[in-house]
Amino acid sequence: MKTPCIAACKNNAGICSGCHRTMGEILHWSKMDDDAHSQVMDKLSGETSTHACPECGSNTFCDIAAGKETCWCFEVEEREITETFDACLCRRCLEKKPAV
């Protein structure tokens, strides 16, 4: 089974500091098929993206920008973000922000 896990797991307010999956993605990983695994991994790597992160410039993915009703970031704890951005932050940049 494919996995983005790098064995550096730490739950940082809903995002794993190692692989940057949400806790929901980690919990459901064993129930996902290979296609679902590939979709998550492509979003994590930036291979599938909707925009560039406004903070670091890396490719990132927003479910709402892709036409869904909710986004992966709704699964994590709210973060303290002092700047205003025109688009969502990537998982790495969001993970660095302190939880509210």
Protein backbone atom coordinates (compact mmCIF):
# COMPACT_ATOMS: atom_id res chain seq x y z
CA MET A 1 0.00 0.00 0.00
CA LYS A 2 1.38 3.42 -0.98
CA THR A 3 1.79 5.93 1.81
CA PRO A 4 3.29 9.41 2.22
CA CYS A 5 4.20 8.56 5.83
CA ILE A 6 7.82 9.33 6.67
CA ALA A 7 7.62 8.00 10.26
CA ALA A 8 7.90 11.49 11.74
CA CYS A 9 4.33 11.60 12.99
CA LYS A 10 3.11 14.40 15.22
CA ASN A 11 -0.46 15.67 15.30
CA ASN A 12 -0.17 19.43 14.99
CA ALA A 13 -3.76 20.59 15.50
CA GLY A 14 -5.12 18.19 12.89
CA ILE A 15 -2.21 18.08 10.42
CA CYS A 16 0.61 15.52 10.67
CA SER A 17 3.92 17.37 10.88
CA GLY A 18 5.61 14.50 9.02
CA CYS A 19 3.47 13.76 5.96
CA HIS A 20 1.03 16.72 6.18
CA ARG A 21 -2.07 14.56 5.91
CA THR A 22 -5.08 15.46 8.02
CA MET A 23 -5.96 13.14 10.88
CA GLY A 24 -9.05 12.09 8.88
CA GLU A 25 -6.89 11.12 5.91
CA ILE A 26 -4.62 9.10 8.18
CA LEU A 27 -7.51 7.37 9.95
CA HIS A 28 -9.23 6.42 6.68
CA TRP A 29 -6.04 5.50 4.81
CA SER A 30 -6.41 1.74 5.26
CA LYS A 31 -9.97 1.90 3.89
CA MET A 32 -9.00 3.87 0.76
CA ASP A 33 -8.30 2.19 -2.56
CA ASP A 34 -5.15 2.79 -4.61
CA ASP A 35 -6.82 5.54 -6.65
CA ALA A 36 -7.79 7.46 -3.51
CA HIS A 37 -4.24 7.02 -2.14
CA SER A 38 -2.81 8.41 -5.39
CA GLN A 39 -5.17 11.40 -5.30
CA VAL A 40 -4.13 12.34 -1.76
CA MET A 41 -0.44 11.83 -2.53
CA ASP A 42 -0.68 13.92 -5.71
CA LYS A 43 -2.28 16.76 -3.74
CA LEU A 44 0.39 16.50 -1.02
CA SER A 45 3.22 16.59 -3.56
CA GLY A 46 1.70 19.45 -5.56
CA GLU A 47 1.41 17.29 -8.67
CA THR A 48 -2.34 18.01 -8.56
CA SER A 49 -2.92 21.64 -7.62
CA THR A 50 -5.39 24.47 -7.93
CA HIS A 51 -3.00 27.36 -7.22
CA ALA A 52 0.34 28.42 -5.77
CA CYS A 53 0.56 28.93 -2.01
CA PRO A 54 0.56 32.69 -1.41
CA GLU A 55 3.17 32.33 1.34
CA CYS A 56 5.80 29.94 -0.09
CA GLY A 57 4.82 29.68 -3.77
CA SER A 58 4.57 25.87 -3.87
CA ASN A 59 1.74 24.16 -5.72
CA THR A 60 -1.19 23.44 -3.42
CA PHE A 61 -4.74 22.17 -3.60
CA CYS A 62 -8.01 23.70 -2.38
CA ASP A 63 -11.07 21.46 -2.60
CA ILE A 64 -13.39 24.49 -2.84
CA ALA A 65 -11.37 25.95 -5.72
CA ALA A 66 -11.73 22.53 -7.35
CA GLY A 67 -15.53 22.79 -7.10
CA LYS A 68 -16.31 20.93 -3.86
CA GLU A 69 -18.53 22.25 -1.06
CA THR A 70 -15.91 21.82 1.70
CA CYS A 71 -12.15 21.67 1.88
CA TRP A 72 -9.60 19.46 3.64
CA CYS A 73 -8.67 22.44 5.83
CA PHE A 74 -12.12 22.34 7.45
CA GLU A 75 -10.96 19.11 9.18
CA VAL A 76 -8.12 20.81 11.07
CA GLU A 77 -8.16 23.17 14.02
CA GLU A 78 -8.52 26.85 13.23
CA ARG A 79 -5.21 28.65 12.86
CA GLU A 80 -4.08 32.13 13.84
CA ILE A 81 -3.42 33.88 10.54
CA THR A 82 -2.61 37.56 10.80
CA GLU A 83 -2.04 38.24 7.11
CA THR A 84 -4.76 38.34 4.45
CA PHE A 85 -4.27 36.05 1.48
CA ASP A 86 -6.17 35.81 -1.81
CA ALA A 87 -5.90 32.01 -1.79
CA CYS A 88 -5.43 29.09 0.61
CA LEU A 89 -2.08 28.29 2.17
CA CYS A 90 -0.42 24.96 1.46
CA ARG A 91 -0.48 22.30 4.18
CA ARG A 92 3.12 22.99 5.19
CA CYS A 93 2.54 26.72 5.66
CA LEU A 94 -0.82 26.19 7.39
CA GLU A 95 0.72 23.59 9.70
CA LYS A 96 3.29 26.16 10.85
CA LYS A 97 0.60 28.63 11.96
CA PRO A 98 -0.37 28.39 15.65
CA ALA A 99 -3.77 26.93 16.48
CA VAL A 100 -6.29 29.38 17.91
